[in-house]
Amino acid sequence: MEPHAVSPSFEKGEYTWKQVQVLGYDEKERKFKVRVMYNRHEKMVTRLSLLFYAEDPELFKERVELCKLRQKHVE
Protein backbone atom coordinates (compact mmCIF):
# COMPACT_ATOMS: atom_id res chain seq x y z
CA MET A 1 0.00 0.00 0.00
CA GLU A 2 1.30 3.44 -0.95
CA PRO A 3 1.68 6.39 1.47
CA HIS A 4 -1.04 9.05 1.38
CA ALA A 5 0.53 11.79 3.45
CA VAL A 6 3.28 12.85 5.83
CA SER A 7 2.99 13.31 9.57
CA PRO A 8 5.42 14.37 12.32
CA SER A 9 7.18 11.53 14.09
CA PHE A 10 9.38 11.97 17.16
CA GLU A 11 12.81 10.37 16.97
CA LYS A 12 16.27 11.20 18.24
CA GLY A 13 14.93 14.14 20.25
CA GLU A 14 13.12 15.91 17.44
CA TYR A 15 10.08 15.78 15.19
CA THR A 16 10.56 14.95 11.51
CA TRP A 17 7.89 14.49 8.87
CA LYS A 18 7.56 10.86 7.75
CA GLN A 19 5.46 9.15 5.10
CA VAL A 20 2.26 7.57 6.42
CA GLN A 21 -0.64 5.49 5.20
CA VAL A 22 -4.05 6.69 6.34
CA LEU A 23 -5.92 3.70 7.75
CA GLY A 24 -9.11 5.37 8.90
CA TYR A 25 -10.84 8.14 10.79
CA ASP A 26 -12.40 8.01 14.27
CA GLU A 27 -15.33 10.44 14.30
CA LYS A 28 -15.69 10.34 18.08
CA GLU A 29 -12.01 11.21 18.66
CA ARG A 30 -11.85 13.37 15.51
CA LYS A 31 -8.48 11.83 14.67
CA PHE A 32 -6.97 9.88 11.79
CA LYS A 33 -5.39 6.47 12.31
CA VAL A 34 -2.11 6.31 10.38
CA ARG A 35 0.74 3.85 9.91
CA VAL A 36 4.25 5.29 9.71
CA MET A 37 5.85 3.70 6.65
CA TYR A 38 9.42 3.27 7.86
CA ASN A 39 8.66 1.49 11.16
CA ARG A 40 5.02 0.33 10.72
CA HIS A 41 4.05 2.12 13.97
CA GLU A 42 0.34 3.02 14.11
CA LYS A 43 -0.87 6.18 15.81
CA MET A 44 -3.80 8.58 15.99
CA VAL A 45 -3.21 12.12 14.73
CA THR A 46 -5.22 15.30 14.35
CA ARG A 47 -5.82 16.89 10.97
CA LEU A 48 -3.15 19.51 11.72
CA SER A 49 -0.59 16.70 11.98
CA LEU A 50 -1.39 15.28 8.57
CA LEU A 51 -0.29 16.80 5.27
CA PHE A 52 -1.91 14.88 2.42
CA TYR A 53 0.06 14.64 -0.82
CA ALA A 54 -2.95 15.98 -2.74
CA GLU A 55 -3.06 19.29 -0.85
CA ASP A 56 -1.07 22.47 -1.27
CA PRO A 57 1.75 22.57 1.34
CA GLU A 58 1.61 26.38 1.53
CA LEU A 59 -2.13 26.38 2.32
CA PHE A 60 -1.51 23.69 4.93
CA LYS A 61 1.21 25.81 6.54
CA GLU A 62 -1.10 28.85 6.59
CA ARG A 63 -3.88 26.79 8.21
CA VAL A 64 -1.54 25.51 10.93
CA GLU A 65 -0.23 29.02 11.66
CA LEU A 66 -3.77 30.39 11.87
CA CYS A 67 -4.72 27.67 14.34
CA LYS A 68 -1.66 28.45 16.48
CA LEU A 69 -2.60 32.15 16.53
CA ARG A 70 -6.17 31.33 17.53
CA GLN A 71 -4.97 29.00 20.27
CA LYS A 72 -2.63 31.67 21.63
CA HIS A 73 -5.47 34.21 21.62
CA VAL A 74 -7.74 31.84 23.58
CA GLU A 75 -5.05 31.13 26.16
PDB file of N, CA and C in Angstrom:
ATOM      1  N   MET A   1       0.846  -1.189   0.000  1.00  0.00           N
ATOM      2  CA  MET A   1       0.000   0.000   0.000  1.00  0.00           C
ATOM      3  C   MET A   1       0.886   1.245   0.000  1.00  0.00           C
ATOM      4  N   GLU A   2       0.519   2.214  -0.784  1.00  0.00           N
ATOM      5  CA  GLU A   2       1.297   3.443  -0.945  1.00  0.00           C
ATOM      6  C   GLU A   2       0.980   4.459   0.158  1.00  0.00           C
ATOM      7  N   PRO A   3       1.952   5.320   0.489  1.00  0.00           N
ATOM      8  CA  PRO A   3       1.681   6.385   1.466  1.00  0.00           C
ATOM      9  C   PRO A   3       0.727   7.430   0.889  1.00  0.00           C
ATOM     10  N   HIS A   4      -0.067   8.032   1.772  1.00  0.00           N
ATOM     11  CA  HIS A   4      -1.045   9.050   1.376  1.00  0.00           C
ATOM     12  C   HIS A   4      -0.645  10.456   1.807  1.00  0.00           C
ATOM     13  N   ALA A   5       0.263  10.504   2.798  1.00  0.00           N
ATOM     14  CA  ALA A   5       0.529  11.790   3.446  1.00  0.00           C
ATOM     15  C   ALA A   5       1.846  11.721   4.202  1.00  0.00           C
ATOM     16  N   VAL A   6       2.167  12.821   4.873  1.00  0.00           N
ATOM     17  CA  VAL A   6       3.275  12.851   5.827  1.00  0.00           C
ATOM     18  C   VAL A   6       2.750  13.372   7.154  1.00  0.00           C
ATOM     19  N   SER A   7       3.401  12.937   8.228  1.00  0.00           N
ATOM     20  CA  SER A   7       2.992  13.313   9.574  1.00  0.00           C
ATOM     21  C   SER A   7       4.239  13.393  10.445  1.00  0.00           C
ATOM     22  N   PRO A   8       4.245  14.283  11.453  1.00  0.00           N
ATOM     23  CA  PRO A   8       5.422  14.370  12.315  1.00  0.00           C
ATOM     24  C   PRO A   8       5.596  13.105  13.156  1.00  0.00           C
ATOM     25  N   SER A   9       6.841  12.702  13.283  1.00  0.00           N
ATOM     26  CA  SER A   9       7.185  11.533  14.086  1.00  0.00           C
ATOM     27  C   SER A   9       8.385  11.913  14.947  1.00  0.00           C
ATOM     28  N   PHE A  10       8.319  11.590  16.227  1.00  0.00           N
ATOM     29  CA  PHE A  10       9.379  11.968  17.164  1.00  0.00           C
ATOM     30  C   PHE A  10      10.455  10.899  17.196  1.00  0.00           C
ATOM     31  N   GLU A  11      11.684  11.297  16.885  1.00  0.00           N
ATOM     32  CA  GLU A  11      12.812  10.367  16.970  1.00  0.00           C
ATOM     33  C   GLU A  11      14.099  11.149  17.184  1.00  0.00           C
ATOM     34  N   LYS A  12      14.979  10.582  17.947  1.00  0.00           N
ATOM     35  CA  LYS A  12      16.272  11.196  18.242  1.00  0.00           C
ATOM     36  C   LYS A  12      16.130  12.630  18.764  1.00  0.00           C
ATOM     37  N   GLY A  13      15.104  12.849  19.603  1.00  0.00           N
ATOM     38  CA  GLY A  13      14.934  14.135  20.254  1.00  0.00           C
ATOM     39  C   GLY A  13      14.291  15.230  19.439  1.00  0.00           C
ATOM     40  N   GLU A  14      13.776  14.894  18.244  1.00  0.00           N
ATOM     41  CA  GLU A  14      13.119  15.914  17.438  1.00  0.00           C
ATOM     42  C   GLU A  14      12.020  15.319  16.572  1.00  0.00           C
ATOM     43  N   TYR A  15      11.142  16.205  16.091  1.00  0.00           N
ATOM     44  CA  TYR A  15      10.082  15.785  15.186  1.00  0.00           C
ATOM     45  C   TYR A  15      10.552  15.931  13.744  1.00  0.00           C
ATOM     46  N   THR A  16      10.296  14.898  12.952  1.00  0.00           N
ATOM     47  CA  THR A  16      10.556  14.953  11.514  1.00  0.00           C
ATOM     48  C   THR A  16       9.324  14.398  10.806  1.00  0.00           C
ATOM     49  N   TRP A  17       9.054  14.923   9.634  1.00  0.00           N
ATOM     50  CA  TRP A  17       7.887  14.490   8.871  1.00  0.00           C
ATOM     51  C   TRP A  17       8.203  13.206   8.126  1.00  0.00           C
ATOM     52  N   LYS A  18       7.373  12.180   8.347  1.00  0.00           N
ATOM     53  CA  LYS A  18       7.564  10.857   7.747  1.00  0.00           C
ATOM     54  C   LYS A  18       6.335  10.471   6.924  1.00  0.00           C
ATOM     55  N   GLN A  19       6.563   9.640   5.919  1.00  0.00           N
ATOM     56  CA  GLN A  19       5.460   9.150   5.096  1.00  0.00           C
ATOM     57  C   GLN A  19       4.550   8.243   5.925  1.00  0.00           C
ATOM     58  N   VAL A  20       3.234   8.396   5.716  1.00  0.00           N
ATOM     59  CA  VAL A  20       2.256   7.569   6.422  1.00  0.00           C
ATOM     60  C   VAL A  20       1.167   7.087   5.471  1.00  0.00           C
ATOM     61  N   GLN A  21       0.584   5.970   5.832  1.00  0.00           N
ATOM     62  CA  GLN A  21      -0.641   5.488   5.198  1.00  0.00           C
ATOM     63  C   GLN A  21      -1.789   5.872   6.113  1.00  0.00           C
ATOM     64  N   VAL A  22      -2.861   6.366   5.550  1.00  0.00           N
ATOM     65  CA  VAL A  22      -4.050   6.688   6.343  1.00  0.00           C
ATOM     66  C   VAL A  22      -4.915   5.441   6.378  1.00  0.00           C
ATOM     67  N   LEU A  23      -5.173   4.933   7.581  1.00  0.00           N
ATOM     68  CA  LEU A  23      -5.921   3.696   7.750  1.00  0.00           C
ATOM     69  C   LEU A  23      -7.395   3.925   8.050  1.00  0.00           C
ATOM     70  N   GLY A  24      -7.715   5.104   8.575  1.00  0.00           N
ATOM     71  CA  GLY A  24      -9.109   5.372   8.901  1.00  0.00           C
ATOM     72  C   GLY A  24      -9.258   6.670   9.670  1.00  0.00           C
ATOM     73  N   TYR A  25     -10.513   6.929  10.045  1.00  0.00           N
ATOM     74  CA  TYR A  25     -10.839   8.144  10.790  1.00  0.00           C
ATOM     75  C   TYR A  25     -11.803   7.783  11.896  1.00  0.00           C
ATOM     76  N   ASP A  26     -11.526   8.236  13.124  1.00  0.00           N
ATOM     77  CA  ASP A  26     -12.395   8.014  14.271  1.00  0.00           C
ATOM     78  C   ASP A  26     -13.195   9.293  14.495  1.00  0.00           C
ATOM     79  N   GLU A  27     -14.487   9.247  14.184  1.00  0.00           N
ATOM     80  CA  GLU A  27     -15.326  10.444  14.304  1.00  0.00           C
ATOM     81  C   GLU A  27     -15.471  10.909  15.744  1.00  0.00           C
ATOM     82  N   LYS A  28     -15.542   9.976  16.669  1.00  0.00           N
ATOM     83  CA  LYS A  28     -15.694  10.343  18.077  1.00  0.00           C
ATOM     84  C   LYS A  28     -14.449  11.093  18.570  1.00  0.00           C
ATOM     85  N   GLU A  29     -13.268  10.582  18.252  1.00  0.00           N
ATOM     86  CA  GLU A  29     -12.010  11.207  18.655  1.00  0.00           C
ATOM     87  C   GLU A  29     -11.613  12.363  17.742  1.00  0.00           C
ATOM     88  N   ARG A  30     -12.188  12.379  16.543  1.00  0.00           N
ATOM     89  CA  ARG A  30     -11.855  13.365  15.513  1.00  0.00           C
ATOM     90  C   ARG A  30     -10.366  13.308  15.165  1.00  0.00           C
ATOM     91  N   LYS A  31      -9.882  12.061  15.014  1.00  0.00           N
ATOM     92  CA  LYS A  31      -8.482  11.831  14.671  1.00  0.00           C
ATOM     93  C   LYS A  31      -8.377  10.767  13.581  1.00  0.00           C
ATOM     94  N   PHE A  32      -7.265  10.854  12.832  1.00  0.00           N
ATOM     95  CA  PHE A  32      -6.968   9.879  11.794  1.00  0.00           C
ATOM     96  C   PHE A  32      -6.045   8.805  12.352  1.00  0.00           C
ATOM     97  N   LYS A  33      -6.300   7.558  11.970  1.00  0.00           N
ATOM     98  CA  LYS A  33      -5.392   6.471  12.307  1.00  0.00           C
ATOM     99  C   LYS A  33      -4.425   6.328  11.139  1.00  0.00           C
ATOM    100  N   VAL A  34      -3.128   6.405  11.430  1.00  0.00           N
ATOM    101  CA  VAL A  34      -2.114   6.312  10.378  1.00  0.00           C
ATOM    102  C   VAL A  34      -1.061   5.276  10.751  1.00  0.00           C
ATOM    103  N   ARG A  35      -0.394   4.768   9.719  1.00  0.00           N
ATOM    104  CA  ARG A  35       0.736   3.852   9.908  1.00  0.00           C
ATOM    105  C   ARG A  35       1.969   4.520   9.322  1.00  0.00           C
ATOM    106  N   VAL A  36       2.987   4.715  10.158  1.00  0.00           N
ATOM    107  CA  VAL A  36       4.248   5.293   9.706  1.00  0.00           C
ATOM    108  C   VAL A  36       4.936   4.251   8.828  1.00  0.00           C
ATOM    109  N   MET A  37       5.331   4.648   7.627  1.00  0.00           N
ATOM    110  CA  MET A  37       5.849   3.701   6.651  1.00  0.00           C
ATOM    111  C   MET A  37       7.172   3.054   7.072  1.00  0.00           C
ATOM    112  N   TYR A  38       8.081   3.821   7.637  1.00  0.00           N
ATOM    113  CA  TYR A  38       9.417   3.270   7.863  1.00  0.00           C
ATOM    114  C   TYR A  38       9.502   2.292   9.039  1.00  0.00           C
ATOM    115  N   ASN A  39       8.583   2.402  10.010  1.00  0.00           N
ATOM    116  CA  ASN A  39       8.655   1.494  11.160  1.00  0.00           C
ATOM    117  C   ASN A  39       7.346   0.753  11.439  1.00  0.00           C
ATOM    118  N   ARG A  40       6.330   0.998  10.613  1.00  0.00           N
ATOM    119  CA  ARG A  40       5.015   0.326  10.722  1.00  0.00           C
ATOM    120  C   ARG A  40       4.266   0.675  12.012  1.00  0.00           C
ATOM    121  N   HIS A  41       4.714   1.686  12.731  1.00  0.00           N
ATOM    122  CA  HIS A  41       4.047   2.122  13.967  1.00  0.00           C
ATOM    123  C   HIS A  41       2.711   2.777  13.610  1.00  0.00           C
ATOM    124  N   GLU A  42       1.647   2.412  14.323  1.00  0.00           N
ATOM    125  CA  GLU A  42       0.336   3.021  14.112  1.00  0.00           C
ATOM    126  C   GLU A  42       0.065   4.019  15.223  1.00  0.00           C
ATOM    127  N   LYS A  43      -0.558   5.145  14.833  1.00  0.00           N
ATOM    128  CA  LYS A  43      -0.867   6.184  15.811  1.00  0.00           C
ATOM    129  C   LYS A  43      -2.093   6.966  15.347  1.00  0.00           C
ATOM    130  N   MET A  44      -2.668   7.703  16.281  1.00  0.00           N
ATOM    131  CA  MET A  44      -3.800   8.579  15.987  1.00  0.00           C
ATOM    132  C   MET A  44      -3.278  10.010  15.931  1.00  0.00           C
ATOM    133  N   VAL A  45      -3.676  10.743  14.882  1.00  0.00           N
ATOM    134  CA  VAL A  45      -3.205  12.122  14.727  1.00  0.00           C
ATOM    135  C   VAL A  45      -4.373  13.041  14.376  1.00  0.00           C
ATOM    136  N   THR A  46      -4.222  14.306  14.731  1.00  0.00           N
ATOM    137  CA  THR A  46      -5.224  15.296  14.349  1.00  0.00           C
ATOM    138  C   THR A  46      -4.982  15.721  12.902  1.00  0.00           C
ATOM    139  N   ARG A  47      -5.928  16.425  12.352  1.00  0.00           N
ATOM    140  CA  ARG A  47      -5.815  16.890  10.969  1.00  0.00           C
ATOM    141  C   ARG A  47      -4.622  17.823  10.788  1.00  0.00           C
ATOM    142  N   LEU A  48      -4.274  18.584  11.823  1.00  0.00           N
ATOM    143  CA  LEU A  48      -3.151  19.506  11.722  1.00  0.00           C
ATOM    144  C   LEU A  48      -1.800  18.799  11.757  1.00  0.00           C
ATOM    145  N   SER A  49      -1.818  17.490  11.999  1.00  0.00           N
ATOM    146  CA  SER A  49      -0.591  16.703  11.978  1.00  0.00           C
ATOM    147  C   SER A  49      -0.564  15.761  10.776  1.00  0.00           C
ATOM    148  N   LEU A  50      -1.276  16.147   9.735  1.00  0.00           N
ATOM    149  CA  LEU A  50      -1.390  15.279   8.567  1.00  0.00           C
ATOM    150  C   LEU A  50      -1.437  16.127   7.300  1.00  0.00           C
ATOM    151  N   LEU A  51      -0.371  16.081   6.545  1.00  0.00           N
ATOM    152  CA  LEU A  51      -0.292  16.799   5.275  1.00  0.00           C
ATOM    153  C   LEU A  51      -0.460  15.783   4.148  1.00  0.00           C
ATOM    154  N   PHE A  52      -1.637  15.794   3.526  1.00  0.00           N
ATOM    155  CA  PHE A  52      -1.911  14.881   2.416  1.00  0.00           C
ATOM    156  C   PHE A  52      -1.118  15.311   1.185  1.00  0.00           C
ATOM    157  N   TYR A  53      -0.686  14.338   0.404  1.00  0.00           N
ATOM    158  CA  TYR A  53       0.062  14.645  -0.818  1.00  0.00           C
ATOM    159  C   TYR A  53      -0.770  15.458  -1.804  1.00  0.00           C
ATOM    160  N   ALA A  54      -2.083  15.305  -1.779  1.00  0.00           N
ATOM    161  CA  ALA A  54      -2.952  15.984  -2.741  1.00  0.00           C
ATOM    162  C   ALA A  54      -3.232  17.447  -2.387  1.00  0.00           C
ATOM    163  N   GLU A  55      -2.776  17.904  -1.227  1.00  0.00           N
ATOM    164  CA  GLU A  55      -3.061  19.290  -0.848  1.00  0.00           C
ATOM    165  C   GLU A  55      -1.847  20.191  -1.016  1.00  0.00           C
ATOM    166  N   ASP A  56      -2.105  21.458  -1.092  1.00  0.00           N
ATOM    167  CA  ASP A  56      -1.065  22.466  -1.268  1.00  0.00           C
ATOM    168  C   ASP A  56      -0.318  22.673   0.053  1.00  0.00           C
ATOM    169  N   PRO A  57       0.992  22.415   0.083  1.00  0.00           N
ATOM    170  CA  PRO A  57       1.749  22.572   1.335  1.00  0.00           C
ATOM    171  C   PRO A  57       1.722  23.992   1.903  1.00  0.00           C
ATOM    172  N   GLU A  58       1.657  24.998   1.043  1.00  0.00           N
ATOM    173  CA  GLU A  58       1.607  26.379   1.530  1.00  0.00           C
ATOM    174  C   GLU A  58       0.276  26.679   2.224  1.00  0.00           C
ATOM    175  N   LEU A  59      -0.821  26.193   1.673  1.00  0.00           N
ATOM    176  CA  LEU A  59      -2.126  26.381   2.319  1.00  0.00           C
ATOM    177  C   LEU A  59      -2.182  25.636   3.651  1.00  0.00           C
ATOM    178  N   PHE A  60      -1.575  24.457   3.690  1.00  0.00           N
ATOM    179  CA  PHE A  60      -1.510  23.688   4.930  1.00  0.00           C
ATOM    180  C   PHE A  60      -0.745  24.480   5.988  1.00  0.00           C
ATOM    181  N   LYS A  61       0.395  25.021   5.614  1.00  0.00           N
ATOM    182  CA  LYS A  61       1.214  25.809   6.542  1.00  0.00           C
ATOM    183  C   LYS A  61       0.436  27.015   7.068  1.00  0.00           C
ATOM    184  N   GLU A  62      -0.286  27.697   6.179  1.00  0.00           N
ATOM    185  CA  GLU A  62      -1.098  28.846   6.590  1.00  0.00           C
ATOM    186  C   GLU A  62      -2.184  28.423   7.577  1.00  0.00           C
ATOM    187  N   ARG A  63      -2.813  27.285   7.329  1.00  0.00           N
ATOM    188  CA  ARG A  63      -3.879  26.791   8.209  1.00  0.00           C
ATOM    189  C   ARG A  63      -3.322  26.471   9.598  1.00  0.00           C
ATOM    190  N   VAL A  64      -2.164  25.844   9.653  1.00  0.00           N
ATOM    191  CA  VAL A  64      -1.541  25.508  10.935  1.00  0.00           C
ATOM    192  C   VAL A  64      -1.187  26.781  11.699  1.00  0.00           C
ATOM    193  N   GLU A  65      -0.595  27.763  11.010  1.00  0.00           N
ATOM    194  CA  GLU A  65      -0.226  29.019  11.663  1.00  0.00           C
ATOM    195  C   GLU A  65      -1.458  29.752  12.192  1.00  0.00           C
ATOM    196  N   LEU A  66      -2.534  29.756  11.422  1.00  0.00           N
ATOM    197  CA  LEU A  66      -3.769  30.389  11.867  1.00  0.00           C
ATOM    198  C   LEU A  66      -4.309  29.708  13.128  1.00  0.00           C
ATOM    199  N   CYS A  67      -4.256  28.395  13.161  1.00  0.00           N
ATOM    200  CA  CYS A  67      -4.719  27.665  14.343  1.00  0.00           C
ATOM    201  C   CYS A  67      -3.863  27.988  15.566  1.00  0.00           C
ATOM    202  N   LYS A  68      -2.551  28.101  15.367  1.00  0.00           N
ATOM    203  CA  LYS A  68      -1.662  28.453  16.481  1.00  0.00           C
ATOM    204  C   LYS A  68      -1.974  29.844  17.011  1.00  0.00           C
ATOM    205  N   LEU A  69      -2.247  30.795  16.111  1.00  0.00           N
ATOM    206  CA  LEU A  69      -2.598  32.147  16.534  1.00  0.00           C
ATOM    207  C   LEU A  69      -3.915  32.159  17.324  1.00  0.00           C
ATOM    208  N   ARG A  70      -4.887  31.411  16.830  1.00  0.00           N
ATOM    209  CA  ARG A  70      -6.173  31.334  17.533  1.00  0.00           C
ATOM    210  C   ARG A  70      -6.024  30.707  18.904  1.00  0.00           C
ATOM    211  N   GLN A  71      -5.205  29.666  18.984  1.00  0.00           N
ATOM    212  CA  GLN A  71      -4.971  29.001  20.273  1.00  0.00           C
ATOM    213  C   GLN A  71      -4.310  29.966  21.247  1.00  0.00           C
ATOM    214  N   LYS A  72      -3.332  30.697  20.777  1.00  0.00           N
ATOM    215  CA  LYS A  72      -2.627  31.667  21.632  1.00  0.00           C
ATOM    216  C   LYS A  72      -3.592  32.743  22.123  1.00  0.00           C
ATOM    217  N   HIS A  73      -4.490  33.189  21.254  1.00  0.00           N
ATOM    218  CA  HIS A  73      -5.474  34.205  21.622  1.00  0.00           C
ATOM    219  C   HIS A  73      -6.407  33.688  22.712  1.00  0.00           C
ATOM    220  N   VAL A  74      -6.837  32.442  22.604  1.00  0.00           N
ATOM    221  CA  VAL A  74      -7.743  31.843  23.578  1.00  0.00           C
ATOM    222  C   VAL A  74      -7.060  31.698  24.936  1.00  0.00           C
ATOM    223  N   GLU A  75      -5.786  31.315  24.904  1.00  0.00           N
ATOM    224  CA  GLU A  75      -5.047  31.126  26.161  1.00  0.00           C
ATOM    225  C   GLU A  75      -4.844  32.466  26.850  1.00  0.00           C
TER     226      GLU A  75
END
